[in-house]
Amino acid sequence: MKSFARLFLALLLVISAAGCSEPESDSVTLYSGRSQSLVQPLLDQFTEQTGIEVNVRYGDTAQLAVALIEEGDQSPADVFWAQDAGALGAVQNAGMFTALPGEITSRVLPGFSAEEGVWVATSGRARVLAWSSERLSRDELPERIEDLARPEYASRLGWAPTNGSFQAAMTAMRVALGDEAARAWLTAVKEGGATAYANNRSILEGIANGEVDLGLPNHYYLYRYTADNPDYPVEQSFFAPGNIGNLINVAGVGQLASSGKTAEAHALISFLLGTTAQNYFASETFEYPVTTDAAPGSQLADFSKLGELRPDVALERMDDLEATLAMLREVGLL
């Protein structure tokens, strides 16, 4: 009886200790390929509004995708926020995402979520043709990105083969035109005398400084320059409707199937699609919002028209970056 009494007392102490312990605070773990300087203010607002702490691992999008695939079901991540659709497609193809509810996927514009509903875009970034407003007129511009392989354009072109956004665009070109055509285009542009730059920003500065007359950046870099200097001597245009040069890549987000924090993950994803975040992307980073909750800033093109311009390429098919990198090495661009 004494041993039973001691056991009963120990059990009471365990129950009492459990009842007095502090409850775990709500939290969610995010792997973010978007930079800390860009998105931390938004995540702080999310925590302030919801009380849910966000534990963030920042890093390169492609490297985080590889890490997730290697970690598998043991990954501590609940949510993956990628800089581009290719990384989302890679994680999707590894079977690591879980389907999001309709009340989330229905909030984004058509074409800005995975067909299986396992991820949604949070903002859009268009590829454009930038050009010198001092040395070119609109009627001198090529209608298709394929035309840039012609010597009269290639010799005046700035591009960034080592840059991630260019590599994503080349992956889309491979999907749309096939490897043979994509390889031939790269070779012709290179042999035609295109100037290589480190990034999108350097391309625009090269145009402004008279080093080149044409370039292939993302759309929002020019708006960052014209915000400080309305007379910045660079303009940008789209190619003909449906041309692969008009690719609209996305940053996007999905919940990991191994996550035990579904409510918290859904709350974070919903926040990123809400008015606060969508207006932030439009006004602060000059990216395109992807819901009807916000309108692009006044400097941006009418986003509704991009549906007519964008190529018919499923974003999740842009997952084979390794083959693109191999092609770039093959033609001597890496």
C-alpha atoms as a PDB file:
ATOM      1  CA  MET A   1       0.000   0.000   0.000  1.00  0.00           C
ATOM      2  CA  LYS A   2       2.856   2.354   0.751  1.00  0.00           C
ATOM      3  CA  SER A   3       4.326   1.853  -2.730  1.00  0.00           C
ATOM      4  CA  PHE A   4       0.911   2.517  -4.271  1.00  0.00           C
ATOM      5  CA  ALA A   5       0.595   5.721  -2.214  1.00  0.00           C
ATOM      6  CA  ARG A   6       4.001   6.894  -3.356  1.00  0.00           C
ATOM      7  CA  LEU A   7       3.127   6.154  -6.995  1.00  0.00           C
ATOM      8  CA  PHE A   8      -0.181   7.995  -6.659  1.00  0.00           C
ATOM      9  CA  LEU A   9       1.589  11.026  -5.121  1.00  0.00           C
ATOM     10  CA  ALA A  10       4.168  11.076  -7.927  1.00  0.00           C
ATOM     11  CA  LEU A  11       1.402  10.994 -10.496  1.00  0.00           C
ATOM     12  CA  LEU A  12      -0.324  13.937  -8.806  1.00  0.00           C
ATOM     13  CA  LEU A  13       2.931  15.922  -8.891  1.00  0.00           C
ATOM     14  CA  VAL A  14       3.390  15.228 -12.622  1.00  0.00           C
ATOM     15  CA  ILE A  15      -0.197  16.310 -13.380  1.00  0.00           C
ATOM     16  CA  SER A  16       0.222  19.414 -11.222  1.00  0.00           C
ATOM     17  CA  ALA A  17       3.499  20.367 -12.907  1.00  0.00           C
ATOM     18  CA  ALA A  18       1.974  19.937 -16.349  1.00  0.00           C
ATOM     19  CA  GLY A  19      -0.981  22.090 -15.423  1.00  0.00           C
ATOM     20  CA  CYS A  20       1.245  24.889 -14.174  1.00  0.00           C
ATOM     21  CA  SER A  21       3.613  24.960 -17.185  1.00  0.00           C
ATOM     22  CA  GLU A  22       3.412  27.835 -19.655  1.00  0.00           C
ATOM     23  CA  PRO A  23       1.607  26.968 -22.913  1.00  0.00           C
ATOM     24  CA  GLU A  24       3.773  26.959 -26.028  1.00  0.00           C
ATOM     25  CA  SER A  25       3.554  30.216 -27.958  1.00  0.00           C
ATOM     26  CA  ASP A  26       2.125  30.104 -31.467  1.00  0.00           C
ATOM     27  CA  SER A  27       4.877  30.030 -34.059  1.00  0.00           C
ATOM     28  CA  VAL A  28       5.598  28.994 -37.621  1.00  0.00           C
ATOM     29  CA  THR A  29       8.940  28.184 -39.264  1.00  0.00           C
ATOM     30  CA  LEU A  30       9.559  29.791 -42.641  1.00  0.00           C
ATOM     31  CA  TYR A  31      12.295  29.049 -45.171  1.00  0.00           C
ATOM     32  CA  SER A  32      12.551  32.291 -47.134  1.00  0.00           C
ATOM     33  CA  GLY A  33      14.350  32.801 -50.438  1.00  0.00           C
ATOM     34  CA  ARG A  34      13.211  36.397 -50.290  1.00  0.00           C
ATOM     35  CA  SER A  35      15.787  38.657 -48.653  1.00  0.00           C
ATOM     36  CA  GLN A  36      15.535  39.693 -45.026  1.00  0.00           C
ATOM     37  CA  SER A  37      15.747  43.399 -45.838  1.00  0.00           C
ATOM     38  CA  LEU A  38      12.777  43.059 -48.182  1.00  0.00           C
ATOM     39  CA  VAL A  39      10.314  40.902 -46.257  1.00  0.00           C
ATOM     40  CA  GLN A  40      11.138  41.156 -42.548  1.00  0.00           C
ATOM     41  CA  PRO A  41       8.999  44.294 -42.133  1.00  0.00           C
ATOM     42  CA  LEU A  42       6.011  42.342 -43.478  1.00  0.00           C
ATOM     43  CA  LEU A  43       6.671  39.378 -41.203  1.00  0.00           C
ATOM     44  CA  ASP A  44       6.897  41.724 -38.216  1.00  0.00           C
ATOM     45  CA  GLN A  45       3.483  43.111 -39.124  1.00  0.00           C
ATOM     46  CA  PHE A  46       2.101  39.578 -39.375  1.00  0.00           C
ATOM     47  CA  THR A  47       3.335  38.761 -35.865  1.00  0.00           C
ATOM     48  CA  GLU A  48       1.946  42.025 -34.509  1.00  0.00           C
ATOM     49  CA  GLN A  49      -1.480  41.331 -36.023  1.00  0.00           C
ATOM     50  CA  THR A  50      -1.753  37.614 -35.201  1.00  0.00           C
ATOM     51  CA  GLY A  51       0.566  36.940 -32.267  1.00  0.00           C
ATOM     52  CA  ILE A  52       2.203  34.163 -34.301  1.00  0.00           C
ATOM     53  CA  GLU A  53       5.996  34.286 -34.184  1.00  0.00           C
ATOM     54  CA  VAL A  54       7.806  33.588 -37.459  1.00  0.00           C
ATOM     55  CA  ASN A  55      11.087  31.703 -37.153  1.00  0.00           C
ATOM     56  CA  VAL A  56      12.869  32.476 -40.416  1.00  0.00           C
ATOM     57  CA  ARG A  57      15.727  30.781 -42.195  1.00  0.00           C
ATOM     58  CA  TYR A  58      16.861  33.127 -44.954  1.00  0.00           C
ATOM     59  CA  GLY A  59      18.918  31.946 -47.908  1.00  0.00           C
ATOM     60  CA  ASP A  60      19.264  31.528 -51.629  1.00  0.00           C
ATOM     61  CA  THR A  61      16.022  30.161 -53.075  1.00  0.00           C
ATOM     62  CA  ALA A  62      17.623  27.287 -54.999  1.00  0.00           C
ATOM     63  CA  GLN A  63      19.781  26.286 -52.037  1.00  0.00           C
ATOM     64  CA  LEU A  64      16.779  26.299 -49.702  1.00  0.00           C
ATOM     65  CA  ALA A  65      14.839  24.119 -52.142  1.00  0.00           C
ATOM     66  CA  VAL A  66      17.719  21.628 -52.161  1.00  0.00           C
ATOM     67  CA  ALA A  67      17.868  21.736 -48.369  1.00  0.00           C
ATOM     68  CA  LEU A  68      14.145  21.014 -48.091  1.00  0.00           C
ATOM     69  CA  ILE A  69      14.399  18.046 -50.432  1.00  0.00           C
ATOM     70  CA  GLU A  70      17.380  16.671 -48.511  1.00  0.00           C
ATOM     71  CA  GLU A  71      15.648  17.154 -45.140  1.00  0.00           C
ATOM     72  CA  GLY A  72      12.478  15.460 -46.351  1.00  0.00           C
ATOM     73  CA  ASP A  73       9.876  14.704 -43.694  1.00  0.00           C
ATOM     74  CA  GLN A  74      12.369  15.718 -40.997  1.00  0.00           C
ATOM     75  CA  SER A  75      12.492  19.340 -42.148  1.00  0.00           C
ATOM     76  CA  PRO A  76      11.623  21.859 -39.436  1.00  0.00           C
ATOM     77  CA  ALA A  77      10.059  24.114 -42.089  1.00  0.00           C
ATOM     78  CA  ASP A  78       6.323  24.712 -42.142  1.00  0.00           C
ATOM     79  CA  VAL A  79       6.285  27.129 -45.092  1.00  0.00           C
ATOM     80  CA  PHE A  80       8.590  27.729 -48.070  1.00  0.00           C
ATOM     81  CA  TRP A  81       8.617  31.197 -49.645  1.00  0.00           C
ATOM     82  CA  ALA A  82      10.558  31.032 -52.901  1.00  0.00           C
ATOM     83  CA  GLN A  83      11.913  33.775 -55.105  1.00  0.00           C
ATOM     84  CA  ASP A  84      10.924  32.004 -58.320  1.00  0.00           C
ATOM     85  CA  ALA A  85       8.572  29.385 -59.724  1.00  0.00           C
ATOM     86  CA  GLY A  86      11.347  26.968 -60.616  1.00  0.00           C
ATOM     87  CA  ALA A  87      12.214  26.338 -56.983  1.00  0.00           C
ATOM     88  CA  LEU A  88       8.541  25.914 -56.125  1.00  0.00           C
ATOM     89  CA  GLY A  89       8.215  23.392 -58.947  1.00  0.00           C
ATOM     90  CA  ALA A  90      11.229  21.426 -57.696  1.00  0.00           C
ATOM     91  CA  VAL A  91       9.795  21.118 -54.185  1.00  0.00           C
ATOM     92  CA  GLN A  92       6.378  20.306 -55.647  1.00  0.00           C
ATOM     93  CA  ASN A  93       7.840  17.546 -57.827  1.00  0.00           C
ATOM     94  CA  ALA A  94       9.521  16.079 -54.760  1.00  0.00           C
ATOM     95  CA  GLY A  95       6.029  15.659 -53.252  1.00  0.00           C
ATOM     96  CA  MET A  96       6.801  17.897 -50.293  1.00  0.00           C
ATOM     97  CA  PHE A  97       3.918  20.375 -50.492  1.00  0.00           C
ATOM     98  CA  THR A  98       0.369  19.782 -49.326  1.00  0.00           C
ATOM     99  CA  ALA A  99      -2.687  21.186 -51.086  1.00  0.00           C
ATOM    100  CA  LEU A 100      -3.858  24.573 -49.895  1.00  0.00           C
ATOM    101  CA  PRO A 101      -7.560  25.179 -49.218  1.00  0.00           C
ATOM    102  CA  GLY A 102      -9.752  26.759 -51.853  1.00  0.00           C
ATOM    103  CA  GLU A 103     -10.271  29.891 -49.796  1.00  0.00           C
ATOM    104  CA  ILE A 104      -6.552  30.602 -50.277  1.00  0.00           C
ATOM    105  CA  THR A 105      -5.984  29.478 -53.870  1.00  0.00           C
ATOM    106  CA  SER A 106      -9.097  31.274 -55.102  1.00  0.00           C
ATOM    107  CA  ARG A 107      -7.676  34.617 -54.011  1.00  0.00           C
ATOM    108  CA  VAL A 108      -4.941  34.763 -56.646  1.00  0.00           C
ATOM    109  CA  LEU A 109      -5.479  35.722 -60.261  1.00  0.00           C
ATOM    110  CA  PRO A 110      -5.768  32.906 -62.828  1.00  0.00           C
ATOM    111  CA  GLY A 111      -2.435  31.382 -63.746  1.00  0.00           C
ATOM    112  CA  PHE A 112      -0.701  32.402 -60.530  1.00  0.00           C
ATOM    113  CA  SER A 113      -0.970  29.148 -58.584  1.00  0.00           C
ATOM    114  CA  ALA A 114       0.082  25.556 -59.142  1.00  0.00           C
ATOM    115  CA  GLU A 115      -2.482  23.499 -61.011  1.00  0.00           C
ATOM    116  CA  GLU A 116      -2.651  21.095 -58.051  1.00  0.00           C
ATOM    117  CA  GLY A 117      -3.139  24.009 -55.632  1.00  0.00           C
ATOM    118  CA  VAL A 118      -0.015  23.263 -53.603  1.00  0.00           C
ATOM    119  CA  TRP A 119       1.455  26.759 -53.874  1.00  0.00           C
ATOM    120  CA  VAL A 120       0.314  30.262 -54.735  1.00  0.00           C
ATOM    121  CA  ALA A 121       2.173  33.286 -56.061  1.00  0.00           C
ATOM    122  CA  THR A 122       2.669  36.235 -53.739  1.00  0.00           C
ATOM    123  CA  SER A 123       3.911  38.741 -56.346  1.00  0.00           C
ATOM    124  CA  GLY A 124       4.854  38.857 -60.018  1.00  0.00           C
ATOM    125  CA  ARG A 125       7.930  40.021 -61.888  1.00  0.00           C
ATOM    126  CA  ALA A 126       7.866  40.571 -65.635  1.00  0.00           C
ATOM    127  CA  ARG A 127      10.800  40.197 -67.994  1.00  0.00           C
ATOM    128  CA  VAL A 128      11.068  43.197 -70.297  1.00  0.00           C
ATOM    129  CA  LEU A 129      13.188  44.721 -73.022  1.00  0.00           C
ATOM    130  CA  ALA A 130      14.963  47.809 -71.682  1.00  0.00           C
ATOM    131  CA  TRP A 131      16.321  50.339 -74.187  1.00  0.00           C
ATOM    132  CA  SER A 132      18.002  53.684 -74.521  1.00  0.00           C
ATOM    133  CA  SER A 133      15.510  56.486 -74.933  1.00  0.00           C
ATOM    134  CA  GLU A 134      18.350  58.622 -76.335  1.00  0.00           C
ATOM    135  CA  ARG A 135      19.605  56.254 -79.049  1.00  0.00           C
ATOM    136  CA  LEU A 136      16.556  54.193 -80.033  1.00  0.00           C
ATOM    137  CA  SER A 137      12.888  54.691 -80.868  1.00  0.00           C
ATOM    138  CA  ARG A 138      10.058  52.216 -80.377  1.00  0.00           C
ATOM    139  CA  ASP A 139       9.777  51.388 -84.064  1.00  0.00           C
ATOM    140  CA  GLU A 140      13.396  50.192 -84.052  1.00  0.00           C
ATOM    141  CA  LEU A 141      12.782  47.562 -81.365  1.00  0.00           C
ATOM    142  CA  PRO A 142      12.565  43.812 -82.068  1.00  0.00           C
ATOM    143  CA  GLU A 143       9.121  42.232 -81.850  1.00  0.00           C
ATOM    144  CA  ARG A 144      10.322  38.925 -80.383  1.00  0.00           C
ATOM    145  CA  ILE A 145      13.093  37.984 -78.011  1.00  0.00           C
ATOM    146  CA  GLU A 146      14.271  35.521 -80.668  1.00  0.00           C
ATOM    147  CA  ASP A 147      15.115  38.529 -82.888  1.00  0.00           C
ATOM    148  CA  LEU A 148      17.861  39.554 -80.475  1.00  0.00           C
ATOM    149  CA  ALA A 149      19.987  36.789 -82.007  1.00  0.00           C
ATOM    150  CA  ARG A 150      20.336  38.951 -85.126  1.00  0.00           C
ATOM    151  CA  PRO A 151      23.747  40.711 -85.177  1.00  0.00           C
ATOM    152  CA  GLU A 152      22.262  44.215 -85.392  1.00  0.00           C
ATOM    153  CA  TYR A 153      20.604  43.630 -82.016  1.00  0.00           C
ATOM    154  CA  ALA A 154      22.996  41.220 -80.306  1.00  0.00           C
ATOM    155  CA  SER A 155      25.929  43.613 -80.708  1.00  0.00           C
ATOM    156  CA  ARG A 156      23.998  46.280 -78.789  1.00  0.00           C
ATOM    157  CA  LEU A 157      22.550  44.013 -76.080  1.00  0.00           C
ATOM    158  CA  GLY A 158      23.355  43.709 -72.387  1.00  0.00           C
ATOM    159  CA  TRP A 159      22.403  40.508 -70.550  1.00  0.00           C
ATOM    160  CA  ALA A 160      23.281  38.730 -67.300  1.00  0.00           C
ATOM    161  CA  PRO A 161      23.827  34.983 -67.847  1.00  0.00           C
ATOM    162  CA  THR A 162      25.036  34.412 -64.269  1.00  0.00           C
ATOM    163  CA  ASN A 163      21.945  36.049 -62.757  1.00  0.00           C
ATOM    164  CA  GLY A 164      19.161  33.901 -61.333  1.00  0.00           C
ATOM    165  CA  SER A 165      16.327  35.773 -63.043  1.00  0.00           C
ATOM    166  CA  PHE A 166      17.998  35.347 -66.442  1.00  0.00           C
ATOM    167  CA  GLN A 167      18.502  31.648 -65.775  1.00  0.00           C
ATOM    168  CA  ALA A 168      14.830  31.259 -64.840  1.00  0.00           C
ATOM    169  CA  ALA A 169      13.868  33.027 -68.071  1.00  0.00           C
ATOM    170  CA  MET A 170      16.134  30.684 -70.038  1.00  0.00           C
ATOM    171  CA  THR A 171      14.466  27.705 -68.377  1.00  0.00           C
ATOM    172  CA  ALA A 172      11.125  29.044 -69.614  1.00  0.00           C
ATOM    173  CA  MET A 173      12.575  29.486 -73.107  1.00  0.00           C
ATOM    174  CA  ARG A 174      13.720  25.852 -73.052  1.00  0.00           C
ATOM    175  CA  VAL A 175      10.216  24.765 -72.061  1.00  0.00           C
ATOM    176  CA  ALA A 176       8.529  26.909 -74.716  1.00  0.00           C
ATOM    177  CA  LEU A 177      10.899  26.536 -77.672  1.00  0.00           C
ATOM    178  CA  GLY A 178      12.840  23.372 -76.934  1.00  0.00           C
ATOM    179  CA  ASP A 179      16.483  22.840 -76.009  1.00  0.00           C
ATOM    180  CA  GLU A 180      17.821  23.008 -79.563  1.00  0.00           C
ATOM    181  CA  ALA A 181      16.276  26.405 -80.264  1.00  0.00           C
ATOM    182  CA  ALA A 182      17.268  27.784 -76.859  1.00  0.00           C
ATOM    183  CA  ARG A 183      20.882  26.648 -77.311  1.00  0.00           C
ATOM    184  CA  ALA A 184      21.024  28.158 -80.796  1.00  0.00           C
ATOM    185  CA  TRP A 185      19.680  31.472 -79.483  1.00  0.00           C
ATOM    186  CA  LEU A 186      22.235  31.633 -76.678  1.00  0.00           C
ATOM    187  CA  THR A 187      25.059  30.845 -79.065  1.00  0.00           C
ATOM    188  CA  ALA A 188      23.974  33.423 -81.633  1.00  0.00           C
ATOM    189  CA  VAL A 189      23.540  36.200 -79.057  1.00  0.00           C
ATOM    190  CA  LYS A 190      26.918  35.448 -77.519  1.00  0.00           C
ATOM    191  CA  GLU A 191      28.713  35.297 -80.885  1.00  0.00           C
ATOM    192  CA  GLY A 192      26.860  38.424 -81.975  1.00  0.00           C
ATOM    193  CA  GLY A 193      28.711  40.407 -79.327  1.00  0.00           C
ATOM    194  CA  ALA A 194      26.280  40.798 -76.405  1.00  0.00           C
ATOM    195  CA  THR A 195      27.837  42.353 -73.287  1.00  0.00           C
ATOM    196  CA  ALA A 196      27.617  40.328 -70.078  1.00  0.00           C
ATOM    197  CA  TYR A 197      26.723  42.083 -66.822  1.00  0.00           C
ATOM    198  CA  ALA A 198      26.517  40.777 -63.275  1.00  0.00           C
ATOM    199  CA  ASN A 199      22.860  41.645 -62.663  1.00  0.00           C
ATOM    200  CA  ASN A 200      19.768  43.537 -63.794  1.00  0.00           C
ATOM    201  CA  ARG A 201      20.843  46.771 -62.167  1.00  0.00           C
ATOM    202  CA  SER A 202      24.162  46.785 -64.012  1.00  0.00           C
ATOM    203  CA  ILE A 203      22.335  46.287 -67.323  1.00  0.00           C
ATOM    204  CA  LEU A 204      20.266  49.424 -66.779  1.00  0.00           C
ATOM    205  CA  GLU A 205      23.320  51.407 -65.763  1.00  0.00           C
ATOM    206  CA  GLY A 206      25.113  50.139 -68.871  1.00  0.00           C
ATOM    207  CA  ILE A 207      22.285  51.455 -71.043  1.00  0.00           C
ATOM    208  CA  ALA A 208      22.214  54.796 -69.233  1.00  0.00           C
ATOM    209  CA  ASN A 209      26.004  55.158 -69.544  1.00  0.00           C
ATOM    210  CA  GLY A 210      26.012  54.406 -73.273  1.00  0.00           C
ATOM    211  CA  GLU A 211      27.775  51.027 -73.034  1.00  0.00           C
ATOM    212  CA  VAL A 212      24.845  49.150 -74.632  1.00  0.00           C
ATOM    213  CA  ASP A 213      21.511  50.167 -76.135  1.00  0.00           C
ATOM    214  CA  LEU A 214      19.294  47.197 -75.174  1.00  0.00           C
ATOM    215  CA  GLY A 215      18.932  44.926 -72.161  1.00  0.00           C
ATOM    216  CA  LEU A 216      16.914  42.089 -70.630  1.00  0.00           C
ATOM    217  CA  PRO A 217      16.098  42.898 -66.968  1.00  0.00           C
ATOM    218  CA  ASN A 218      13.110  42.410 -64.680  1.00  0.00           C
ATOM    219  CA  HIS A 219      10.562  45.199 -64.911  1.00  0.00           C
ATOM    220  CA  TYR A 220      10.860  46.735 -61.456  1.00  0.00           C
ATOM    221  CA  TYR A 221      14.503  47.825 -61.540  1.00  0.00           C
ATOM    222  CA  LEU A 222      13.777  50.736 -63.854  1.00  0.00           C
ATOM    223  CA  TYR A 223      11.047  52.008 -61.531  1.00  0.00           C
ATOM    224  CA  ARG A 224      13.552  52.121 -58.690  1.00  0.00           C
ATOM    225  CA  TYR A 225      15.789  54.378 -60.778  1.00  0.00           C
ATOM    226  CA  THR A 226      13.007  56.610 -62.043  1.00  0.00           C
ATOM    227  CA  ALA A 227      11.691  57.029 -58.489  1.00  0.00           C
ATOM    228  CA  ASP A 228      14.910  58.966 -57.787  1.00  0.00           C
ATOM    229  CA  ASN A 229      15.370  60.422 -61.271  1.00  0.00           C
ATOM    230  CA  PRO A 230      12.259  60.771 -63.456  1.00  0.00           C
ATOM    231  CA  ASP A 231      14.520  61.648 -66.410  1.00  0.00           C
ATOM    232  CA  TYR A 232      16.572  58.468 -66.199  1.00  0.00           C
ATOM    233  CA  PRO A 233      17.451  57.798 -69.890  1.00  0.00           C
ATOM    234  CA  VAL A 234      16.072  54.263 -70.136  1.00  0.00           C
ATOM    235  CA  GLU A 235      12.656  52.983 -71.208  1.00  0.00           C
ATOM    236  CA  GLN A 236      11.273  49.467 -71.338  1.00  0.00           C
ATOM    237  CA  SER A 237       8.731  47.573 -73.403  1.00  0.00           C
ATOM    238  CA  PHE A 238       7.182  44.175 -73.846  1.00  0.00           C
ATOM    239  CA  PHE A 239       7.633  41.976 -76.873  1.00  0.00           C
ATOM    240  CA  ALA A 240       4.705  40.888 -79.049  1.00  0.00           C
ATOM    241  CA  PRO A 241       1.772  39.275 -77.185  1.00  0.00           C
ATOM    242  CA  GLY A 242       2.494  35.702 -76.148  1.00  0.00           C
ATOM    243  CA  ASN A 243       6.225  35.887 -76.792  1.00  0.00           C
ATOM    244  CA  ILE A 244       8.374  33.967 -74.307  1.00  0.00           C
ATOM    245  CA  GLY A 245      10.340  37.180 -73.714  1.00  0.00           C
ATOM    246  CA  ASN A 246       7.326  38.451 -71.752  1.00  0.00           C
ATOM    247  CA  LEU A 247       7.695  35.818 -69.050  1.00  0.00           C
ATOM    248  CA  ILE A 248       6.061  36.736 -65.764  1.00  0.00           C
ATOM    249  CA  ASN A 249       7.880  34.860 -63.036  1.00  0.00           C
ATOM    250  CA  VAL A 250       6.614  34.868 -59.471  1.00  0.00           C
ATOM    251  CA  ALA A 251       7.629  34.699 -55.891  1.00  0.00           C
ATOM    252  CA  GLY A 252       5.388  32.122 -54.247  1.00  0.00           C
ATOM    253  CA  VAL A 253       4.642  30.196 -51.107  1.00  0.00           C
ATOM    254  CA  GLY A 254       3.488  26.732 -50.076  1.00  0.00           C
ATOM    255  CA  GLN A 255       2.981  24.659 -46.931  1.00  0.00           C
ATOM    256  CA  LEU A 256       5.174  21.616 -46.342  1.00  0.00           C
ATOM    257  CA  ALA A 257       3.284  18.339 -46.042  1.00  0.00           C
ATOM    258  CA  SER A 258       5.372  17.454 -42.992  1.00  0.00           C
ATOM    259  CA  SER A 259       4.272  20.588 -41.130  1.00  0.00           C
ATOM    260  CA  GLY A 260       2.254  20.201 -37.961  1.00  0.00           C
ATOM    261  CA  LYS A 261       1.311  23.893 -37.982  1.00  0.00           C
ATOM    262  CA  THR A 262      -1.459  24.011 -40.572  1.00  0.00           C
ATOM    263  CA  ALA A 263      -3.456  26.811 -38.940  1.00  0.00           C
ATOM    264  CA  GLU A 264      -0.366  28.982 -38.518  1.00  0.00           C
ATOM    265  CA  ALA A 265       0.884  28.230 -42.035  1.00  0.00           C
ATOM    266  CA  HIS A 266      -2.478  29.118 -43.571  1.00  0.00           C
ATOM    267  CA  ALA A 267      -2.603  32.321 -41.537  1.00  0.00           C
ATOM    268  CA  LEU A 268       0.809  33.393 -42.842  1.00  0.00           C
ATOM    269  CA  ILE A 269       0.000  32.565 -46.465  1.00  0.00           C
ATOM    270  CA  SER A 270      -3.336  34.379 -46.221  1.00  0.00           C
ATOM    271  CA  PHE A 271      -1.561  37.433 -44.826  1.00  0.00           C
ATOM    272  CA  LEU A 272       0.830  37.498 -47.783  1.00  0.00           C
ATOM    273  CA  LEU A 273      -2.188  37.581 -50.103  1.00  0.00           C
ATOM    274  CA  GLY A 274      -3.954  40.274 -48.110  1.00  0.00           C
ATOM    275  CA  THR A 275      -4.193  43.994 -48.765  1.00  0.00           C
ATOM    276  CA  THR A 276      -1.283  44.965 -46.518  1.00  0.00           C
ATOM    277  CA  ALA A 277       1.247  42.695 -48.201  1.00  0.00           C
ATOM    278  CA  GLN A 278      -0.041  43.147 -51.744  1.00  0.00           C
ATOM    279  CA  ASN A 279       0.055  46.937 -51.466  1.00  0.00           C
ATOM    280  CA  TYR A 280       3.567  46.648 -50.004  1.00  0.00           C
ATOM    281  CA  PHE A 281       4.774  44.721 -53.037  1.00  0.00           C
ATOM    282  CA  ALA A 282       3.148  47.195 -55.425  1.00  0.00           C
ATOM    283  CA  SER A 283       4.341  50.394 -53.755  1.00  0.00           C
ATOM    284  CA  GLU A 284       7.629  49.441 -52.093  1.00  0.00           C
ATOM    285  CA  THR A 285       9.227  46.855 -54.394  1.00  0.00           C
ATOM    286  CA  PHE A 286       7.331  47.723 -57.623  1.00  0.00           C
ATOM    287  CA  GLU A 287       6.382  44.085 -58.119  1.00  0.00           C
ATOM    288  CA  TYR A 288       2.964  43.117 -59.433  1.00  0.00           C
ATOM    289  CA  PRO A 289       0.324  42.126 -56.888  1.00  0.00           C
ATOM    290  CA  VAL A 290      -1.363  38.849 -57.760  1.00  0.00           C
ATOM    291  CA  THR A 291      -4.770  39.273 -56.136  1.00  0.00           C
ATOM    292  CA  THR A 292      -7.696  41.596 -56.623  1.00  0.00           C
ATOM    293  CA  ASP A 293      -7.031  43.066 -53.162  1.00  0.00           C
ATOM    294  CA  ALA A 294      -4.540  45.605 -54.467  1.00  0.00           C
ATOM    295  CA  ALA A 295      -3.790  47.546 -57.608  1.00  0.00           C
ATOM    296  CA  PRO A 296      -0.330  48.119 -59.089  1.00  0.00           C
ATOM    297  CA  GLY A 297       1.318  51.429 -58.308  1.00  0.00           C
ATOM    298  CA  SER A 298       0.805  54.256 -60.737  1.00  0.00           C
ATOM    299  CA  GLN A 299       4.221  53.693 -62.328  1.00  0.00           C
ATOM    300  CA  LEU A 300       3.416  50.132 -63.368  1.00  0.00           C
ATOM    301  CA  ALA A 301       1.762  48.999 -66.557  1.00  0.00           C
ATOM    302  CA  ASP A 302      -1.898  48.018 -66.342  1.00  0.00           C
ATOM    303  CA  PHE A 303      -1.567  44.552 -64.837  1.00  0.00           C
ATOM    304  CA  SER A 304      -4.775  43.324 -66.438  1.00  0.00           C
ATOM    305  CA  LYS A 305      -3.159  43.749 -69.870  1.00  0.00           C
ATOM    306  CA  LEU A 306      -0.354  41.352 -68.977  1.00  0.00           C
ATOM    307  CA  GLY A 307      -2.745  38.447 -69.414  1.00  0.00           C
ATOM    308  CA  GLU A 308      -2.728  39.202 -73.140  1.00  0.00           C
ATOM    309  CA  LEU A 309       1.054  39.612 -73.267  1.00  0.00           C
ATOM    310  CA  ARG A 310       2.355  36.753 -71.154  1.00  0.00           C
ATOM    311  CA  PRO A 311       3.396  33.459 -72.769  1.00  0.00           C
ATOM    312  CA  ASP A 312       1.438  30.274 -72.220  1.00  0.00           C
ATOM    313  CA  VAL A 313       3.944  28.503 -69.961  1.00  0.00           C
ATOM    314  CA  ALA A 314       2.927  26.681 -66.777  1.00  0.00           C
ATOM    315  CA  LEU A 315       5.169  28.161 -64.109  1.00  0.00           C
ATOM    316  CA  GLU A 316       5.667  24.852 -62.285  1.00  0.00           C
ATOM    317  CA  ARG A 317       7.321  23.449 -65.424  1.00  0.00           C
ATOM    318  CA  MET A 318      10.259  25.810 -64.846  1.00  0.00           C
ATOM    319  CA  ASP A 319      11.825  23.406 -62.362  1.00  0.00           C
ATOM    320  CA  ASP A 320      14.734  22.005 -64.405  1.00  0.00           C
ATOM    321  CA  LEU A 321      17.307  24.683 -63.605  1.00  0.00           C
ATOM    322  CA  GLU A 322      20.187  22.183 -63.649  1.00  0.00           C
ATOM    323  CA  ALA A 323      19.684  21.531 -67.363  1.00  0.00           C
ATOM    324  CA  THR A 324      19.677  25.288 -67.992  1.00  0.00           C
ATOM    325  CA  LEU A 325      22.912  25.737 -66.073  1.00  0.00           C
ATOM    326  CA  ALA A 326      24.462  22.862 -68.029  1.00  0.00           C
ATOM    327  CA  MET A 327      23.432  24.533 -71.290  1.00  0.00           C
ATOM    328  CA  LEU A 328      24.913  27.871 -70.217  1.00  0.00           C
ATOM    329  CA  ARG A 329      28.192  26.120 -69.394  1.00  0.00           C
ATOM    330  CA  GLU A 330      28.103  24.283 -72.686  1.00  0.00           C
ATOM    331  CA  VAL A 331      27.952  27.509 -74.706  1.00  0.00           C
ATOM    332  CA  GLY A 332      30.579  29.201 -72.521  1.00  0.00           C
ATOM    333  CA  LEU A 333      28.417  31.633 -70.573  1.00  0.00           C
ATOM    334  CA  LEU A 334      29.201  30.250 -67.100  1.00  0.00           C
END
